[in-house]
Amino acid sequence: MSKSCDSWSTVSLVSLAGASLSVLCPPTVEAAQYMSVEQAEKAAFPEADRFDARVLRLTPEQLRSLDAVASVRQRGEVRQIDAWAGNKLLGTLYVDDVLGKVEWVTYAVAVGAEGAVRSLEILEYRETHGYEVRTPSWRKQFAGRRLETPFHFGEDIKNISGATLSCSHLTAGVQRLLALHAQLAKSR
């Protein structure tokens, strides 16, 4: 056997061993926290002088009504944070989780007092792929969106290759939070 064949065989065995190892040990999911809730509050409502927070545990009826707007797997618990400047309600920041592909994505949607989305922030991303949903150009697509003006993933909200499920689920999550905001506004 020639020397070049021996080195090729060694390289091939090492490559096969590495390939087998990657199948047995898939890449680990590493959560990345990009922003705290407090940072999201200040980014969305810089003029606010106070924030009032509460945790909403959605009832089965609320979840069913939100499913009629957009179906996506959520945890069923949403943080609602009202932003105030003196006695004036500026809007509400909702902090929620949607399933990306297999891991939870924590995000915040700021809704102004008039009912339009001010901003979407990704607070924590736990997936191995699709972190591009954090790019400002993708998140900016949600600014100004309202419940009364339906928006659709793949048409009004563009997809990011490699992040399709995260994009789709975040879009549905924003739609659901706008519907929840409308429900809560009626009861104020």
N, C-alpha and C. Protein backbone atom coordinates (compact mmCIF):
# COMPACT_ATOMS: atom_id res chain seq x y z
N MET A 1 0.84 -1.17 0.00
CA MET A 1 0.00 0.00 0.00
C MET A 1 0.88 1.23 0.00
N SER A 2 0.53 2.23 -0.79
CA SER A 2 1.35 3.43 -0.86
C SER A 2 1.10 4.32 0.35
N LYS A 3 2.02 5.22 0.56
CA LYS A 3 1.93 6.13 1.71
C LYS A 3 0.69 7.03 1.57
N SER A 4 0.36 7.48 0.36
CA SER A 4 -0.79 8.36 0.17
C SER A 4 -2.09 7.64 0.51
N CYS A 5 -2.18 6.34 0.23
CA CYS A 5 -3.38 5.58 0.58
C CYS A 5 -3.54 5.47 2.08
N ASP A 6 -2.42 5.28 2.79
CA ASP A 6 -2.49 5.19 4.25
C ASP A 6 -3.01 6.49 4.84
N SER A 7 -2.50 7.61 4.37
CA SER A 7 -2.94 8.88 4.93
C SER A 7 -4.41 9.14 4.55
N TRP A 8 -4.82 8.73 3.35
CA TRP A 8 -6.21 8.90 2.96
C TRP A 8 -7.11 8.08 3.87
N SER A 9 -6.69 6.84 4.16
CA SER A 9 -7.48 5.97 5.02
C SER A 9 -7.61 6.55 6.41
N THR A 10 -6.54 7.11 6.92
CA THR A 10 -6.59 7.71 8.25
C THR A 10 -7.55 8.90 8.26
N VAL A 11 -7.44 9.75 7.25
CA VAL A 11 -8.33 10.90 7.15
C VAL A 11 -9.78 10.44 7.03
N SER A 12 -10.03 9.42 6.23
CA SER A 12 -11.39 8.92 6.05
C SER A 12 -11.96 8.37 7.34
N LEU A 13 -11.15 7.62 8.08
CA LEU A 13 -11.61 7.08 9.36
C LEU A 13 -11.90 8.20 10.35
N VAL A 14 -11.05 9.21 10.39
CA VAL A 14 -11.28 10.34 11.30
C VAL A 14 -12.56 11.07 10.89
N SER A 15 -12.76 11.27 9.58
CA SER A 15 -13.98 11.94 9.11
C SER A 15 -15.21 11.15 9.45
N LEU A 16 -15.15 9.82 9.25
CA LEU A 16 -16.30 8.97 9.59
C LEU A 16 -16.57 8.99 11.08
N ALA A 17 -15.53 8.98 11.89
CA ALA A 17 -15.72 9.02 13.34
C ALA A 17 -16.36 10.34 13.74
N GLY A 18 -15.92 11.43 13.15
CA GLY A 18 -16.49 12.73 13.45
C GLY A 18 -17.94 12.82 13.03
N ALA A 19 -18.26 12.26 11.85
CA ALA A 19 -19.64 12.27 11.37
C ALA A 19 -20.52 11.45 12.29
N SER A 20 -20.02 10.30 12.74
CA SER A 20 -20.80 9.47 13.66
C SER A 20 -21.01 10.19 14.98
N LEU A 21 -20.00 10.88 15.44
CA LEU A 21 -20.10 11.60 16.70
C LEU A 21 -21.12 12.72 16.59
N SER A 22 -21.19 13.42 15.45
CA SER A 22 -22.15 14.50 15.31
C SER A 22 -23.58 13.97 15.27
N VAL A 23 -23.79 12.76 14.82
CA VAL A 23 -25.12 12.16 14.83
C VAL A 23 -25.50 11.78 16.26
N LEU A 24 -24.53 11.24 17.00
CA LEU A 24 -24.80 10.84 18.37
C LEU A 24 -24.91 12.03 19.31
N CYS A 25 -24.18 13.09 19.04
CA CYS A 25 -24.16 14.27 19.89
C CYS A 25 -24.60 15.49 19.08
N PRO A 26 -25.90 15.72 18.93
CA PRO A 26 -26.35 16.86 18.14
C PRO A 26 -25.89 18.16 18.79
N PRO A 27 -25.87 19.24 18.01
CA PRO A 27 -25.42 20.51 18.56
C PRO A 27 -26.30 20.92 19.74
N THR A 28 -25.68 21.53 20.72
CA THR A 28 -26.44 21.94 21.89
C THR A 28 -27.17 23.23 21.60
N VAL A 29 -28.31 23.39 22.25
CA VAL A 29 -29.08 24.61 22.14
C VAL A 29 -28.54 25.55 23.20
N GLU A 30 -28.14 26.71 22.77
CA GLU A 30 -27.61 27.68 23.70
C GLU A 30 -28.50 28.90 23.67
N ALA A 31 -29.17 29.15 24.78
CA ALA A 31 -30.05 30.30 24.85
C ALA A 31 -29.23 31.58 24.85
N ALA A 32 -29.70 32.55 24.12
CA ALA A 32 -29.05 33.85 24.10
C ALA A 32 -30.06 34.88 24.54
N GLN A 33 -29.76 35.56 25.64
CA GLN A 33 -30.63 36.64 26.09
C GLN A 33 -30.10 37.92 25.48
N TYR A 34 -30.95 38.58 24.70
CA TYR A 34 -30.54 39.77 23.99
C TYR A 34 -30.95 41.04 24.69
N MET A 35 -32.04 40.95 25.45
CA MET A 35 -32.58 42.15 26.08
C MET A 35 -33.40 41.72 27.30
N SER A 36 -33.34 42.50 28.36
CA SER A 36 -34.18 42.23 29.53
C SER A 36 -35.55 42.87 29.32
N VAL A 37 -36.49 42.49 30.14
CA VAL A 37 -37.83 43.09 30.06
C VAL A 37 -37.73 44.59 30.33
N GLU A 38 -36.92 44.97 31.31
CA GLU A 38 -36.75 46.39 31.64
C GLU A 38 -36.17 47.17 30.47
N GLN A 39 -35.22 46.59 29.77
CA GLN A 39 -34.65 47.26 28.59
C GLN A 39 -35.70 47.38 27.48
N ALA A 40 -36.53 46.35 27.33
CA ALA A 40 -37.59 46.40 26.31
C ALA A 40 -38.61 47.48 26.66
N GLU A 41 -38.94 47.62 27.93
CA GLU A 41 -39.87 48.67 28.36
C GLU A 41 -39.35 50.05 27.95
N LYS A 42 -38.10 50.31 28.30
CA LYS A 42 -37.50 51.63 28.02
C LYS A 42 -37.31 51.87 26.53
N ALA A 43 -37.00 50.82 25.78
CA ALA A 43 -36.84 50.96 24.32
C ALA A 43 -38.17 51.27 23.66
N ALA A 44 -39.24 50.62 24.12
CA ALA A 44 -40.55 50.79 23.50
C ALA A 44 -41.23 52.09 23.91
N PHE A 45 -41.05 52.47 25.17
CA PHE A 45 -41.72 53.65 25.70
C PHE A 45 -40.71 54.53 26.45
N PRO A 46 -39.80 55.18 25.72
CA PRO A 46 -38.76 55.98 26.39
C PRO A 46 -39.33 57.17 27.17
N GLU A 47 -40.51 57.62 26.81
CA GLU A 47 -41.12 58.77 27.48
C GLU A 47 -41.88 58.38 28.76
N ALA A 48 -41.98 57.10 29.05
CA ALA A 48 -42.72 56.63 30.23
C ALA A 48 -41.98 56.96 31.52
N ASP A 49 -42.77 57.30 32.56
CA ASP A 49 -42.17 57.52 33.87
C ASP A 49 -42.55 56.43 34.86
N ARG A 50 -43.40 55.51 34.42
CA ARG A 50 -43.81 54.41 35.29
C ARG A 50 -44.32 53.24 34.45
N PHE A 51 -44.10 52.03 34.95
CA PHE A 51 -44.57 50.80 34.31
C PHE A 51 -45.32 49.97 35.35
N ASP A 52 -46.53 49.56 35.03
CA ASP A 52 -47.33 48.69 35.91
C ASP A 52 -47.43 47.32 35.26
N ALA A 53 -46.92 46.30 35.95
CA ALA A 53 -46.86 44.95 35.37
C ALA A 53 -47.80 44.00 36.09
N ARG A 54 -48.31 43.05 35.32
CA ARG A 54 -49.10 41.94 35.88
C ARG A 54 -48.96 40.73 34.96
N VAL A 55 -49.18 39.58 35.54
CA VAL A 55 -49.13 38.35 34.76
C VAL A 55 -50.55 37.94 34.45
N LEU A 56 -50.81 37.68 33.18
CA LEU A 56 -52.13 37.21 32.75
C LEU A 56 -52.06 35.71 32.51
N ARG A 57 -52.89 34.98 33.21
CA ARG A 57 -53.01 33.55 32.94
C ARG A 57 -54.28 33.38 32.11
N LEU A 58 -54.10 33.05 30.88
CA LEU A 58 -55.22 33.02 29.94
C LEU A 58 -56.13 31.83 30.21
N THR A 59 -57.41 32.10 30.16
CA THR A 59 -58.41 31.05 30.38
C THR A 59 -58.54 30.21 29.11
N PRO A 60 -59.12 29.02 29.23
CA PRO A 60 -59.35 28.22 28.03
C PRO A 60 -60.20 28.96 26.98
N GLU A 61 -61.17 29.76 27.44
CA GLU A 61 -61.99 30.53 26.50
C GLU A 61 -61.15 31.58 25.78
N GLN A 62 -60.29 32.27 26.52
CA GLN A 62 -59.42 33.26 25.88
C GLN A 62 -58.48 32.60 24.87
N LEU A 63 -57.92 31.46 25.25
CA LEU A 63 -57.02 30.75 24.34
C LEU A 63 -57.74 30.32 23.07
N ARG A 64 -58.98 29.83 23.20
CA ARG A 64 -59.77 29.43 22.02
C ARG A 64 -60.04 30.63 21.11
N SER A 65 -60.38 31.77 21.71
CA SER A 65 -60.67 32.95 20.89
C SER A 65 -59.40 33.45 20.20
N LEU A 66 -58.26 33.33 20.86
CA LEU A 66 -57.00 33.73 20.23
C LEU A 66 -56.60 32.74 19.14
N ASP A 67 -56.90 31.45 19.34
CA ASP A 67 -56.63 30.45 18.31
C ASP A 67 -57.40 30.75 17.03
N ALA A 68 -58.58 31.37 17.16
CA ALA A 68 -59.37 31.72 15.98
C ALA A 68 -58.67 32.82 15.17
N VAL A 69 -57.86 33.63 15.83
CA VAL A 69 -57.11 34.70 15.15
C VAL A 69 -55.87 34.12 14.48
N ALA A 70 -55.10 33.36 15.25
CA ALA A 70 -53.86 32.74 14.75
C ALA A 70 -53.49 31.63 15.71
N SER A 71 -53.33 30.46 15.18
CA SER A 71 -53.00 29.31 16.01
C SER A 71 -51.48 29.12 16.05
N VAL A 72 -50.95 29.13 17.25
CA VAL A 72 -49.52 28.90 17.48
C VAL A 72 -49.38 28.43 18.92
N ARG A 73 -48.40 27.62 19.17
CA ARG A 73 -48.20 27.10 20.52
C ARG A 73 -47.57 28.18 21.40
N GLN A 74 -48.30 28.57 22.43
CA GLN A 74 -47.83 29.53 23.41
C GLN A 74 -47.95 28.90 24.79
N ARG A 75 -47.33 29.52 25.77
CA ARG A 75 -47.36 28.96 27.12
C ARG A 75 -48.65 29.22 27.86
N GLY A 76 -49.42 30.23 27.44
CA GLY A 76 -50.69 30.52 28.10
C GLY A 76 -50.56 31.51 29.24
N GLU A 77 -49.38 32.08 29.40
CA GLU A 77 -49.15 33.10 30.42
C GLU A 77 -48.43 34.25 29.75
N VAL A 78 -48.97 35.44 29.90
CA VAL A 78 -48.44 36.63 29.22
C VAL A 78 -48.21 37.71 30.28
N ARG A 79 -47.07 38.39 30.18
CA ARG A 79 -46.84 39.55 31.04
C ARG A 79 -47.38 40.77 30.33
N GLN A 80 -48.23 41.52 31.03
CA GLN A 80 -48.80 42.76 30.51
C GLN A 80 -48.20 43.90 31.32
N ILE A 81 -47.56 44.83 30.63
CA ILE A 81 -46.89 45.94 31.30
C ILE A 81 -47.40 47.24 30.70
N ASP A 82 -48.19 47.98 31.46
CA ASP A 82 -48.72 49.25 31.00
C ASP A 82 -47.67 50.34 31.22
N ALA A 83 -47.47 51.17 30.21
CA ALA A 83 -46.51 52.27 30.27
C ALA A 83 -47.27 53.58 30.46
N TRP A 84 -46.85 54.36 31.44
CA TRP A 84 -47.52 55.61 31.79
C TRP A 84 -46.56 56.78 31.75
N ALA A 85 -47.10 57.94 31.36
CA ALA A 85 -46.42 59.23 31.51
C ALA A 85 -47.39 60.08 32.30
N GLY A 86 -47.13 60.21 33.59
CA GLY A 86 -48.09 60.87 34.46
C GLY A 86 -49.35 60.03 34.53
N ASN A 87 -50.50 60.63 34.21
CA ASN A 87 -51.78 59.91 34.21
C ASN A 87 -52.19 59.41 32.84
N LYS A 88 -51.31 59.56 31.85
CA LYS A 88 -51.63 59.18 30.48
C LYS A 88 -51.06 57.80 30.16
N LEU A 89 -51.93 56.89 29.74
CA LEU A 89 -51.50 55.56 29.31
C LEU A 89 -50.89 55.69 27.91
N LEU A 90 -49.61 55.36 27.80
CA LEU A 90 -48.91 55.43 26.52
C LEU A 90 -49.14 54.19 25.67
N GLY A 91 -49.29 53.06 26.34
CA GLY A 91 -49.48 51.79 25.65
C GLY A 91 -49.11 50.64 26.56
N THR A 92 -49.01 49.48 25.97
CA THR A 92 -48.76 48.26 26.74
C THR A 92 -47.67 47.44 26.06
N LEU A 93 -46.80 46.90 26.88
CA LEU A 93 -45.79 45.95 26.42
C LEU A 93 -46.24 44.57 26.86
N TYR A 94 -46.32 43.65 25.92
CA TYR A 94 -46.67 42.26 26.22
C TYR A 94 -45.42 41.41 26.05
N VAL A 95 -45.14 40.59 27.05
CA VAL A 95 -44.01 39.66 26.98
C VAL A 95 -44.59 38.26 26.95
N ASP A 96 -44.20 37.50 25.95
CA ASP A 96 -44.80 36.20 25.70
C ASP A 96 -43.73 35.24 25.18
N ASP A 97 -44.09 33.99 25.08
CA ASP A 97 -43.24 32.96 24.49
C ASP A 97 -44.01 32.24 23.40
N VAL A 98 -43.36 32.00 22.28
CA VAL A 98 -43.92 31.12 21.25
C VAL A 98 -42.87 30.06 20.96
N LEU A 99 -43.33 28.95 20.47
CA LEU A 99 -42.41 27.90 20.08
C LEU A 99 -41.77 28.29 18.76
N GLY A 100 -40.43 28.29 18.71
CA GLY A 100 -39.73 28.55 17.45
C GLY A 100 -39.88 27.34 16.56
N LYS A 101 -38.92 26.45 16.60
CA LYS A 101 -39.05 25.15 15.94
C LYS A 101 -39.31 24.11 17.02
N VAL A 102 -38.39 24.03 17.99
CA VAL A 102 -38.57 23.09 19.10
C VAL A 102 -38.34 23.76 20.46
N GLU A 103 -37.84 24.98 20.46
CA GLU A 103 -37.53 25.69 21.71
C GLU A 103 -38.36 26.97 21.78
N TRP A 104 -38.51 27.50 23.00
CA TRP A 104 -39.28 28.72 23.21
C TRP A 104 -38.48 29.95 22.81
N VAL A 105 -39.20 30.90 22.22
CA VAL A 105 -38.66 32.21 21.89
C VAL A 105 -39.42 33.21 22.75
N THR A 106 -38.70 33.97 23.58
CA THR A 106 -39.33 35.00 24.40
C THR A 106 -39.25 36.31 23.64
N TYR A 107 -40.38 36.97 23.49
CA TYR A 107 -40.43 38.20 22.71
C TYR A 107 -41.32 39.21 23.41
N ALA A 108 -41.20 40.46 23.01
CA ALA A 108 -42.01 41.54 23.57
C ALA A 108 -42.60 42.35 22.43
N VAL A 109 -43.88 42.62 22.54
CA VAL A 109 -44.58 43.45 21.56
C VAL A 109 -45.11 44.68 22.28
N ALA A 110 -44.72 45.85 21.79
CA ALA A 110 -45.22 47.10 22.34
C ALA A 110 -46.39 47.56 21.47
N VAL A 111 -47.53 47.80 22.13
CA VAL A 111 -48.73 48.27 21.44
C VAL A 111 -49.06 49.65 21.99
N GLY A 112 -49.12 50.64 21.12
CA GLY A 112 -49.44 52.00 21.53
C GLY A 112 -50.89 52.12 21.98
N ALA A 113 -51.22 53.21 22.63
CA ALA A 113 -52.57 53.43 23.14
C ALA A 113 -53.61 53.39 22.02
N GLU A 114 -53.19 53.72 20.80
CA GLU A 114 -54.12 53.71 19.65
C GLU A 114 -54.31 52.31 19.06
N GLY A 115 -53.57 51.32 19.58
CA GLY A 115 -53.75 49.94 19.15
C GLY A 115 -52.82 49.44 18.07
N ALA A 116 -51.82 50.22 17.69
CA ALA A 116 -50.87 49.80 16.65
C ALA A 116 -49.57 49.32 17.30
N VAL A 117 -48.93 48.36 16.65
CA VAL A 117 -47.64 47.86 17.14
C VAL A 117 -46.60 48.97 17.03
N ARG A 118 -45.92 49.20 18.13
CA ARG A 118 -44.80 50.15 18.14
C ARG A 118 -43.50 49.43 17.80
N SER A 119 -43.34 48.24 18.41
CA SER A 119 -42.10 47.51 18.19
C SER A 119 -42.25 46.05 18.57
N LEU A 120 -41.35 45.26 18.03
CA LEU A 120 -41.21 43.85 18.37
C LEU A 120 -39.75 43.65 18.75
N GLU A 121 -39.52 43.07 19.92
CA GLU A 121 -38.16 42.77 20.37
C GLU A 121 -38.05 41.29 20.68
N ILE A 122 -36.94 40.69 20.34
CA ILE A 122 -36.65 39.31 20.72
C ILE A 122 -35.82 39.39 21.99
N LEU A 123 -36.36 38.89 23.09
CA LEU A 123 -35.66 38.98 24.36
C LEU A 123 -34.72 37.80 24.56
N GLU A 124 -35.21 36.60 24.25
CA GLU A 124 -34.38 35.41 24.42
C GLU A 124 -34.69 34.43 23.31
N TYR A 125 -33.62 33.94 22.68
CA TYR A 125 -33.75 32.99 21.56
C TYR A 125 -32.98 31.73 21.92
N ARG A 126 -33.66 30.58 21.88
CA ARG A 126 -33.06 29.34 22.36
C ARG A 126 -32.77 28.32 21.26
N GLU A 127 -33.16 28.60 20.04
CA GLU A 127 -32.96 27.67 18.93
C GLU A 127 -31.51 27.70 18.44
N THR A 128 -31.09 26.64 17.75
CA THR A 128 -29.74 26.61 17.18
C THR A 128 -29.69 27.37 15.85
N HIS A 129 -30.82 27.56 15.20
CA HIS A 129 -30.90 28.26 13.92
C HIS A 129 -32.03 29.28 13.98
N GLY A 130 -31.98 30.24 13.10
CA GLY A 130 -33.09 31.17 12.95
C GLY A 130 -32.97 32.44 13.76
N TYR A 131 -31.84 32.66 14.39
CA TYR A 131 -31.66 33.85 15.21
C TYR A 131 -31.77 35.15 14.41
N GLU A 132 -31.82 35.02 13.08
CA GLU A 132 -31.94 36.20 12.22
C GLU A 132 -33.25 36.96 12.44
N VAL A 133 -34.20 36.34 13.16
CA VAL A 133 -35.45 37.06 13.47
C VAL A 133 -35.16 38.31 14.31
N ARG A 134 -33.97 38.40 14.84
CA ARG A 134 -33.56 39.58 15.62
C ARG A 134 -33.19 40.76 14.75
N THR A 135 -32.99 40.56 13.47
CA THR A 135 -32.53 41.67 12.64
C THR A 135 -33.58 42.79 12.62
N PRO A 136 -33.12 44.04 12.75
CA PRO A 136 -34.04 45.17 12.78
C PRO A 136 -34.96 45.23 11.55
N SER A 137 -34.44 44.90 10.37
CA SER A 137 -35.27 44.99 9.17
C SER A 137 -36.44 44.00 9.22
N TRP A 138 -36.22 42.81 9.79
CA TRP A 138 -37.32 41.85 9.87
C TRP A 138 -38.33 42.30 10.92
N ARG A 139 -37.88 42.71 12.08
CA ARG A 139 -38.78 43.13 13.16
C ARG A 139 -39.54 44.39 12.80
N LYS A 140 -38.94 45.27 12.02
CA LYS A 140 -39.57 46.53 11.64
C LYS A 140 -40.85 46.33 10.82
N GLN A 141 -40.98 45.16 10.20
CA GLN A 141 -42.18 44.86 9.40
C GLN A 141 -43.46 44.93 10.24
N PHE A 142 -43.34 44.79 11.56
CA PHE A 142 -44.51 44.75 12.43
C PHE A 142 -44.96 46.14 12.88
N ALA A 143 -44.08 47.13 12.81
CA ALA A 143 -44.41 48.47 13.27
C ALA A 143 -45.63 49.00 12.52
N GLY A 144 -46.58 49.52 13.27
CA GLY A 144 -47.80 50.08 12.69
C GLY A 144 -48.90 49.07 12.41
N ARG A 145 -48.61 47.78 12.55
CA ARG A 145 -49.63 46.76 12.29
C ARG A 145 -50.74 46.86 13.34
N ARG A 146 -51.95 46.59 12.88
CA ARG A 146 -53.14 46.65 13.74
C ARG A 146 -53.95 45.39 13.57
N LEU A 147 -54.76 45.10 14.57
CA LEU A 147 -55.64 43.94 14.51
C LEU A 147 -56.65 44.07 13.37
N GLU A 148 -57.15 45.27 13.16
CA GLU A 148 -58.19 45.49 12.13
C GLU A 148 -57.66 45.36 10.71
N THR A 149 -56.36 45.41 10.56
CA THR A 149 -55.74 45.28 9.24
C THR A 149 -54.94 43.99 9.23
N PRO A 150 -55.56 42.90 8.82
CA PRO A 150 -54.87 41.61 8.87
C PRO A 150 -53.55 41.62 8.11
N PHE A 151 -52.58 40.91 8.64
CA PHE A 151 -51.30 40.75 7.97
C PHE A 151 -50.96 39.28 7.97
N HIS A 152 -50.36 38.85 6.87
CA HIS A 152 -50.12 37.42 6.66
C HIS A 152 -48.64 37.13 6.49
N PHE A 153 -48.23 36.05 7.14
CA PHE A 153 -46.86 35.59 6.99
C PHE A 153 -46.64 35.11 5.57
N GLY A 154 -45.51 35.48 4.99
CA GLY A 154 -45.18 35.08 3.63
C GLY A 154 -45.67 36.08 2.60
N GLU A 155 -46.59 36.96 3.00
CA GLU A 155 -47.08 38.01 2.09
C GLU A 155 -46.69 39.38 2.66
N ASP A 156 -47.37 39.77 3.73
CA ASP A 156 -47.11 41.06 4.37
C ASP A 156 -45.85 41.01 5.24
N ILE A 157 -45.63 39.89 5.86
CA ILE A 157 -44.45 39.67 6.70
C ILE A 157 -43.56 38.67 5.97
N LYS A 158 -42.38 39.10 5.61
CA LYS A 158 -41.47 38.26 4.81
C LYS A 158 -40.82 37.18 5.66
N ASN A 159 -40.51 36.09 5.00
CA ASN A 159 -39.82 34.96 5.62
C ASN A 159 -38.31 35.19 5.59
N ILE A 160 -37.62 34.51 6.50
CA ILE A 160 -36.16 34.45 6.47
C ILE A 160 -35.80 32.99 6.26
N SER A 161 -35.07 32.70 5.20
CA SER A 161 -34.65 31.33 4.93
C SER A 161 -33.84 30.80 6.10
N GLY A 162 -34.18 29.62 6.58
CA GLY A 162 -33.51 29.03 7.73
C GLY A 162 -34.18 29.38 9.04
N ALA A 163 -35.17 30.26 8.99
CA ALA A 163 -35.89 30.68 10.20
C ALA A 163 -37.39 30.66 9.97
N THR A 164 -37.84 29.84 9.04
CA THR A 164 -39.24 29.85 8.62
C THR A 164 -40.21 29.64 9.77
N LEU A 165 -39.98 28.62 10.59
CA LEU A 165 -40.92 28.36 11.69
C LEU A 165 -40.90 29.48 12.72
N SER A 166 -39.74 29.98 13.07
CA SER A 166 -39.66 31.09 14.02
C SER A 166 -40.37 32.32 13.47
N CYS A 167 -40.16 32.63 12.20
CA CYS A 167 -40.84 33.77 11.57
C CYS A 167 -42.35 33.60 11.59
N SER A 168 -42.79 32.43 11.19
CA SER A 168 -44.22 32.13 11.14
C SER A 168 -44.85 32.20 12.53
N HIS A 169 -44.20 31.60 13.51
CA HIS A 169 -44.76 31.55 14.86
C HIS A 169 -44.73 32.92 15.53
N LEU A 170 -43.69 33.69 15.31
CA LEU A 170 -43.67 35.05 15.86
C LEU A 170 -44.75 35.92 15.23
N THR A 171 -44.97 35.77 13.94
CA THR A 171 -46.05 36.51 13.28
C THR A 171 -47.39 36.17 13.90
N ALA A 172 -47.65 34.89 14.09
CA ALA A 172 -48.90 34.46 14.72
C ALA A 172 -48.98 34.97 16.16
N GLY A 173 -47.86 34.96 16.86
CA GLY A 173 -47.83 35.46 18.24
C GLY A 173 -48.20 36.93 18.32
N VAL A 174 -47.67 37.73 17.40
CA VAL A 174 -48.00 39.16 17.38
C VAL A 174 -49.49 39.35 17.09
N GLN A 175 -50.03 38.58 16.15
CA GLN A 175 -51.46 38.68 15.84
C GLN A 175 -52.30 38.35 17.07
N ARG A 176 -51.90 37.31 17.79
CA ARG A 176 -52.64 36.91 18.99
C ARG A 176 -52.57 37.99 20.07
N LEU A 177 -51.39 38.59 20.24
CA LEU A 177 -51.26 39.63 21.26
C LEU A 177 -52.07 40.87 20.90
N LEU A 178 -52.16 41.19 19.62
CA LEU A 178 -53.03 42.29 19.22
C LEU A 178 -54.49 41.98 19.53
N ALA A 179 -54.90 40.74 19.32
CA ALA A 179 -56.27 40.33 19.65
C ALA A 179 -56.50 40.38 21.15
N LEU A 180 -55.52 39.92 21.92
CA LEU A 180 -55.63 39.98 23.38
C LEU A 180 -55.70 41.43 23.83
N HIS A 181 -54.89 42.29 23.25
CA HIS A 181 -54.92 43.72 23.58
C HIS A 181 -56.32 44.30 23.35
N ALA A 182 -56.92 43.95 22.23
CA ALA A 182 -58.28 44.44 21.92
C ALA A 182 -59.29 43.93 22.95
N GLN A 183 -59.17 42.65 23.34
CA GLN A 183 -60.07 42.09 24.36
C GLN A 183 -59.94 42.85 25.69
N LEU A 184 -58.69 43.08 26.08
CA LEU A 184 -58.44 43.75 27.36
C LEU A 184 -58.87 45.21 27.32
N ALA A 185 -58.72 45.86 26.17
CA ALA A 185 -59.13 47.26 26.04
C ALA A 185 -60.63 47.41 26.22
N LYS A 186 -61.39 46.42 25.75
CA LYS A 186 -62.85 46.46 25.92
C LYS A 186 -63.26 46.37 27.38
N SER A 187 -62.45 45.67 28.16
CA SER A 187 -62.82 45.46 29.58
C SER A 187 -62.28 46.57 30.49
N ARG A 188 -61.54 47.54 29.94
CA ARG A 188 -61.00 48.64 30.80
C ARG A 188 -62.04 49.66 31.09
